Amino acid sequence: MSFKLSSLKLPSKKALAFFGVCAAVPGLIYRDNVLSNERKNLVKQKVAHIASEPMSVNELPRKVTVYLAPPLGDGIHKTKVHFREYVKPVLVAAAMEYELVEGTQPGQLRSKVRDSIIEKRKAAKTSTPTGIESNNTHQAPHLLNTTDGDGIIVVGRVSLVEYLQGLNDGCTSSLTDPQETISNEQDTKNDNNSISSTVRSENIMSDSLSSFQVVKQDEFSIPELEPIGYIRFYNRIGWKYLPLRMYHAFNSYLNFDTAGEDAVKVALKNSREFTEDDLNLGIDEKKFLKGTLENPELDHRILSKLRIYDNLL
């Protein structure tokens, strides 16, 4: 039986297009996985020497605090995935520990940062002996010196704005505990009138929270502040950016050139002074957010005490 090539019938154009797409998609995914592993190993090699440095017996591994906030119009899970895929491998390669501080709702991270700063101010106030002034004549007595700590990481523009706003609120807030005021007021209420008790409690809570924003000049203080490491995060959502989303879905390795390199800056501990221009970090991310994000307001006294991780050439 003879076999002739001319007798073969080629598939139709639609069939060829279908099988071509089916072959192209896995090929693009495989290409992205290979390039992602290469870029990941590249950024890990930049910090691998840190993990091999000897430590003394009374020394602990470096630990950073990671602040995560949900992008406007989306959930926090994307921020967590971005940290896990592109930032965490660098921290692990540098033998660094981390602690996650999450805000699942808008403004929640700001409140957590504010409360943390107030607690630091209270601890610094109780540990500082009264009547002993600072030897630094160029600094006001109520301003505390800052040193390079283990550092913090903020992922995305929203996390940065909420962190800076919480930092400003915490440093400019009164150290009076509002819960004590609420407790004292509730002791004088009539237990039989539950309706008026509820209304009164809400009014007291509102007045107490507003006291956080009113602080005398001599009560202002800045606790020890750690350098900030900013991680770029572009949360492209919506039908408008669908082509862009598809492009980056098959080229996710490019995130190691942004988020991965930002994490390397934190691991290398090279920091500089925080400037007003740094308040605009991630401003190009705002176009992908669904909602209005206000610019952070930071007291100039706090601004002068902040540092940020950067490449120092």
Protein backbone atom coordinates (compact mmCIF):
# COMPACT_ATOMS: atom_id res chain seq x y z
CA MET A 1 0.00 0.00 0.00
CA SER A 2 1.54 3.27 -1.11
CA PHE A 3 1.41 6.40 1.00
CA LYS A 4 1.26 9.79 -0.64
CA LEU A 5 1.72 13.12 1.11
CA SER A 6 -0.60 14.73 -1.35
CA SER A 7 -3.41 12.62 0.07
CA LEU A 8 -3.09 14.25 3.51
CA LYS A 9 -5.64 16.89 4.35
CA LEU A 10 -4.47 19.82 6.47
CA PRO A 11 -6.67 21.04 9.33
CA SER A 12 -8.83 24.07 8.77
CA LYS A 13 -7.64 27.58 9.63
CA LYS A 14 -9.88 27.65 12.69
CA ALA A 15 -8.45 24.38 13.95
CA LEU A 16 -4.89 25.61 13.42
CA ALA A 17 -5.66 28.82 15.27
CA PHE A 18 -7.21 26.88 18.16
CA PHE A 19 -4.27 24.51 18.55
CA GLY A 20 -1.84 27.41 18.13
CA VAL A 21 -3.43 29.31 21.02
CA CYS A 22 -3.53 26.17 23.15
CA ALA A 23 0.18 25.69 22.57
CA ALA A 24 1.10 29.37 22.99
CA VAL A 25 -0.52 29.87 26.41
CA PRO A 26 1.36 27.04 28.17
CA GLY A 27 4.50 28.18 26.38
CA LEU A 28 4.15 31.73 27.72
CA ILE A 29 3.45 30.43 31.22
CA TYR A 30 6.51 28.17 31.07
CA ARG A 31 8.64 31.08 29.81
CA ASP A 32 7.44 33.30 32.65
CA ASN A 33 8.17 30.62 35.24
CA VAL A 34 11.71 30.13 33.94
CA LEU A 35 12.44 33.86 33.86
CA SER A 36 10.85 34.33 37.30
CA ASN A 37 13.15 31.71 38.81
CA GLU A 38 16.15 33.37 37.17
CA ARG A 39 15.22 36.83 38.48
CA LYS A 40 14.42 35.43 41.92
CA ASN A 41 17.81 33.73 42.16
CA LEU A 42 19.46 36.94 40.98
CA VAL A 43 17.98 39.11 43.74
CA LYS A 44 18.56 36.39 46.32
CA GLN A 45 22.24 36.25 45.40
CA LYS A 46 22.56 39.97 46.17
CA VAL A 47 21.69 39.37 49.83
CA ALA A 48 22.88 35.79 50.33
CA HIS A 49 26.15 36.97 51.90
CA ILE A 50 24.17 38.48 54.80
CA ALA A 51 22.93 35.05 55.85
CA SER A 52 26.49 33.72 56.01
CA GLU A 53 27.78 36.48 58.28
CA PRO A 54 28.62 35.19 61.78
CA MET A 55 26.54 36.27 64.77
CA SER A 56 27.44 36.51 68.42
CA VAL A 57 25.76 34.27 70.98
CA ASN A 58 23.67 37.13 72.39
CA GLU A 59 22.63 38.49 68.99
CA LEU A 60 19.23 37.88 67.42
CA PRO A 61 18.44 37.75 63.71
CA ARG A 62 17.29 40.98 62.19
CA LYS A 63 13.52 41.38 62.27
CA VAL A 64 11.46 43.84 60.25
CA THR A 65 7.80 44.82 60.57
CA VAL A 66 5.75 44.57 57.39
CA TYR A 67 2.67 46.79 57.05
CA LEU A 68 -0.03 45.69 54.61
CA ALA A 69 -3.18 47.59 53.65
CA PRO A 70 -5.79 46.62 51.05
CA PRO A 71 -5.75 48.55 47.76
CA LEU A 72 -8.73 50.82 47.26
CA GLY A 73 -11.54 48.84 45.67
CA ASP A 74 -9.91 45.46 46.29
CA GLY A 75 -9.03 43.01 49.05
CA ILE A 76 -5.86 42.62 51.06
CA HIS A 77 -5.19 39.15 49.64
CA LYS A 78 -3.47 40.66 46.59
CA THR A 79 -1.13 42.68 48.79
CA LYS A 80 -0.28 39.54 50.76
CA VAL A 81 0.38 37.56 47.57
CA HIS A 82 2.62 40.33 46.26
CA PHE A 83 4.63 40.26 49.48
CA ARG A 84 4.83 36.46 49.57
CA GLU A 85 5.95 36.09 45.94
CA TYR A 86 8.40 38.96 45.49
CA VAL A 87 9.51 40.25 48.90
CA LYS A 88 9.56 37.27 51.24
CA PRO A 89 12.14 35.28 49.18
CA VAL A 90 14.62 38.15 49.59
CA LEU A 91 14.06 38.33 53.35
CA VAL A 92 14.48 34.57 53.69
CA ALA A 93 17.67 34.62 51.61
CA ALA A 94 19.06 37.32 53.92
CA ALA A 95 18.12 35.26 57.04
CA MET A 96 15.74 37.99 58.19
CA GLU A 97 12.60 37.53 60.27
CA TYR A 98 9.44 39.54 59.76
CA GLU A 99 6.17 40.36 61.48
CA LEU A 100 3.02 41.14 59.52
CA VAL A 101 0.72 43.97 60.56
CA GLU A 102 -2.43 43.95 58.43
CA GLY A 103 -5.33 46.29 57.99
CA THR A 104 -8.21 44.47 56.36
CA GLN A 105 -10.33 47.62 56.05
CA PRO A 106 -9.38 51.13 54.89
CA GLY A 107 -8.07 53.13 57.85
CA GLN A 108 -7.49 50.10 60.07
CA LEU A 109 -3.74 50.08 59.48
CA ARG A 110 -3.62 53.79 60.30
CA SER A 111 -5.26 53.13 63.67
CA LYS A 112 -2.85 50.29 64.47
CA VAL A 113 0.17 52.44 63.67
CA ARG A 114 -1.20 55.32 65.76
CA ASP A 115 -1.78 53.08 68.77
CA SER A 116 1.69 51.56 68.40
CA ILE A 117 3.34 54.99 68.32
CA ILE A 118 1.39 56.13 71.39
CA GLU A 119 2.51 53.03 73.29
CA LYS A 120 6.13 53.72 72.32
CA ARG A 121 5.80 57.31 73.52
CA LYS A 122 4.36 56.15 76.84
CA ALA A 123 7.16 53.61 77.29
CA ALA A 124 9.80 56.22 76.46
CA LYS A 125 8.21 58.70 78.86
CA THR A 126 8.20 56.27 81.79
CA SER A 127 11.75 55.07 81.11
CA THR A 128 13.23 58.59 80.85
CA PRO A 129 14.25 60.03 84.27
CA THR A 130 12.55 63.31 85.07
CA GLY A 131 14.61 66.40 85.58
CA ILE A 132 17.45 65.18 83.34
CA GLU A 133 17.75 67.11 80.12
CA SER A 134 19.38 65.98 76.93
CA ASN A 135 23.02 66.82 76.38
CA ASN A 136 22.25 67.82 72.80
CA THR A 137 21.71 71.57 72.93
CA HIS A 138 20.55 71.69 69.33
CA GLN A 139 17.50 69.51 70.03
CA ALA A 140 14.37 70.30 72.02
CA PRO A 141 14.01 68.25 75.24
CA HIS A 142 10.73 66.73 74.11
CA LEU A 143 12.23 65.25 70.92
CA LEU A 144 13.85 61.87 71.29
CA ASN A 145 16.87 60.81 69.29
CA THR A 146 16.30 58.10 66.69
CA THR A 147 18.65 55.36 65.66
CA ASP A 148 18.59 52.76 62.89
CA GLY A 149 16.37 49.93 64.06
CA ASP A 150 15.59 46.67 62.33
CA GLY A 151 13.41 48.55 59.86
CA ILE A 152 9.87 48.47 58.53
CA ILE A 153 8.40 47.59 55.14
CA VAL A 154 5.29 49.10 53.57
CA VAL A 155 3.81 47.44 50.48
CA GLY A 156 2.13 49.79 48.04
CA ARG A 157 1.04 53.41 48.07
CA VAL A 158 -2.00 52.78 50.28
CA SER A 159 0.11 51.13 52.99
CA LEU A 160 2.59 54.00 52.88
CA VAL A 161 -0.09 56.67 53.20
CA GLU A 162 -1.82 54.92 56.09
CA TYR A 163 1.49 54.30 57.88
CA LEU A 164 2.57 57.94 57.60
CA GLN A 165 -0.84 59.20 58.67
CA GLY A 166 -0.84 56.84 61.65
CA LEU A 167 2.69 57.96 62.50
CA ASN A 168 1.64 61.61 62.41
CA ASP A 169 -1.48 60.91 64.50
CA GLY A 170 0.50 58.95 67.06
CA CYS A 171 3.16 61.62 67.57
CA THR A 172 0.69 64.51 67.76
CA SER A 173 -1.89 62.78 69.96
CA SER A 174 -2.41 63.18 73.67
CA LEU A 175 -1.09 60.39 75.86
CA THR A 176 -4.28 60.40 77.95
CA ASP A 177 -6.03 57.06 77.69
CA PRO A 178 -9.62 57.67 76.47
CA GLN A 179 -10.80 54.44 78.07
CA GLU A 180 -10.17 55.88 81.53
CA THR A 181 -12.40 58.84 80.74
CA ILE A 182 -15.13 56.57 79.42
CA SER A 183 -14.90 54.38 82.52
CA ASN A 184 -15.22 57.33 84.90
CA GLU A 185 -18.18 58.75 83.05
CA GLN A 186 -20.01 55.43 82.92
CA ASP A 187 -19.76 55.05 86.71
CA THR A 188 -22.01 58.06 87.14
CA LYS A 189 -24.77 56.86 84.82
CA ASN A 190 -28.14 55.54 85.82
CA ASP A 191 -28.17 51.77 85.29
CA ASN A 192 -31.95 51.72 84.80
CA ASN A 193 -31.88 54.05 81.78
CA SER A 194 -30.21 51.87 79.13
CA ILE A 195 -31.20 54.01 76.15
CA SER A 196 -29.71 57.21 77.51
CA SER A 197 -26.71 55.21 78.69
CA THR A 198 -26.00 54.05 75.14
CA VAL A 199 -26.31 57.55 73.71
CA ARG A 200 -24.10 58.96 76.46
CA SER A 201 -21.47 56.28 75.85
CA GLU A 202 -21.31 57.10 72.14
CA ASN A 203 -20.90 60.82 72.91
CA ILE A 204 -18.12 60.11 75.39
CA MET A 205 -16.34 57.86 72.92
CA SER A 206 -16.54 60.57 70.24
CA ASP A 207 -15.22 63.24 72.62
CA SER A 208 -12.44 60.94 73.83
CA LEU A 209 -11.28 60.03 70.34
CA SER A 210 -11.26 63.68 69.36
CA SER A 211 -8.86 64.32 72.24
CA PHE A 212 -6.25 62.36 70.31
CA GLN A 213 -6.08 65.21 67.83
CA VAL A 214 -5.62 67.91 70.47
CA VAL A 215 -2.20 67.99 72.10
CA LYS A 216 -0.20 70.70 73.75
CA GLN A 217 3.15 71.71 72.37
CA ASP A 218 5.06 70.39 75.38
CA GLU A 219 3.34 66.99 75.08
CA PHE A 220 4.54 66.38 71.52
CA SER A 221 7.21 63.70 71.28
CA ILE A 222 8.73 61.37 68.74
CA PRO A 223 9.69 57.82 69.74
CA GLU A 224 12.46 55.84 68.15
CA LEU A 225 11.63 55.56 64.44
CA GLU A 226 12.88 52.81 62.18
CA PRO A 227 13.90 53.34 58.53
CA ILE A 228 11.16 52.76 55.97
CA GLY A 229 11.43 50.34 53.09
CA TYR A 230 8.94 51.03 50.32
CA ILE A 231 7.82 48.18 48.03
CA ARG A 232 6.17 49.12 44.75
CA PHE A 233 2.85 47.41 44.09
CA TYR A 234 0.74 48.01 40.97
CA ASN A 235 -2.73 46.56 41.50
CA ARG A 236 -4.14 46.71 37.98
CA ILE A 237 -7.88 46.08 38.16
CA GLY A 238 -10.84 46.89 35.95
CA TRP A 239 -11.74 46.21 32.32
CA LYS A 240 -9.89 49.34 31.26
CA TYR A 241 -6.54 47.77 32.10
CA LEU A 242 -7.37 44.26 30.87
CA PRO A 243 -4.72 44.24 28.09
CA LEU A 244 -2.13 45.50 30.57
CA ARG A 245 -3.16 42.85 33.08
CA MET A 246 -2.78 40.12 30.48
CA TYR A 247 0.67 41.37 29.53
CA HIS A 248 1.89 41.40 33.13
CA ALA A 249 0.24 38.04 33.83
CA PHE A 250 2.62 36.46 31.30
CA ASN A 251 5.53 38.67 32.39
CA SER A 252 5.27 38.54 36.18
CA TYR A 253 9.05 38.12 36.37
CA LEU A 254 9.29 41.90 35.89
CA ASN A 255 8.03 42.33 39.46
CA PHE A 256 11.42 41.14 40.71
CA ASP A 257 12.92 44.21 39.00
CA THR A 258 10.67 46.44 41.11
CA ALA A 259 9.48 44.77 44.32
CA GLY A 260 12.44 42.40 44.51
CA GLU A 261 14.99 45.19 44.13
CA ASP A 262 13.11 47.28 46.70
CA ALA A 263 13.40 44.39 49.16
CA VAL A 264 17.14 44.18 48.46
CA LYS A 265 17.50 47.80 49.62
CA VAL A 266 15.94 46.86 52.96
CA ALA A 267 18.19 43.82 53.38
CA LEU A 268 21.36 45.81 52.67
CA LYS A 269 20.38 48.42 55.31
CA ASN A 270 21.54 51.40 53.26
CA SER A 271 19.38 54.31 54.38
CA ARG A 272 19.21 58.05 53.81
CA GLU A 273 17.18 60.93 55.15
CA PHE A 274 13.47 60.99 54.32
CA THR A 275 12.58 64.03 52.19
CA GLU A 276 9.35 65.68 51.13
CA ASP A 277 9.75 64.15 47.67
CA ASP A 278 9.50 60.72 49.29
CA LEU A 279 5.90 61.55 50.24
CA ASN A 280 5.12 61.01 46.56
CA LEU A 281 6.46 57.45 46.45
CA GLY A 282 4.10 55.24 44.49
CA ILE A 283 2.17 58.18 43.08
CA ASP A 284 2.03 56.33 39.76
CA GLU A 285 0.05 53.56 41.46
CA LYS A 286 -2.93 55.84 42.14
CA LYS A 287 -4.34 55.48 38.63
CA PHE A 288 -5.00 51.80 39.30
CA LEU A 289 -6.90 52.47 42.54
CA LYS A 290 -10.69 52.58 42.64
CA GLY A 291 -11.29 55.52 44.91
CA THR A 292 -9.66 58.70 46.12
CA LEU A 293 -6.45 58.41 48.13
CA GLU A 294 -5.43 61.52 50.02
CA ASN A 295 -1.80 62.57 50.16
CA PRO A 296 -0.18 61.99 53.57
CA GLU A 297 0.31 64.92 55.93
CA LEU A 298 3.42 64.70 58.07
CA ASP A 299 4.66 67.15 60.68
CA HIS A 300 8.00 68.64 59.65
CA ARG A 301 9.51 67.61 63.00
CA ILE A 302 8.63 63.99 62.28
CA LEU A 303 9.84 64.30 58.70
CA SER A 304 13.28 65.39 59.87
CA LYS A 305 13.60 62.24 62.02
CA LEU A 306 12.62 59.70 59.35
CA ARG A 307 14.95 57.66 57.18
CA ILE A 308 14.26 55.51 54.12
CA TYR A 309 16.12 52.57 52.61
CA ASP A 310 17.74 53.34 49.28
CA ASN A 311 20.68 52.44 47.08
CA LEU A 312 23.60 54.65 48.09
CA LEU A 313 26.01 54.92 45.18
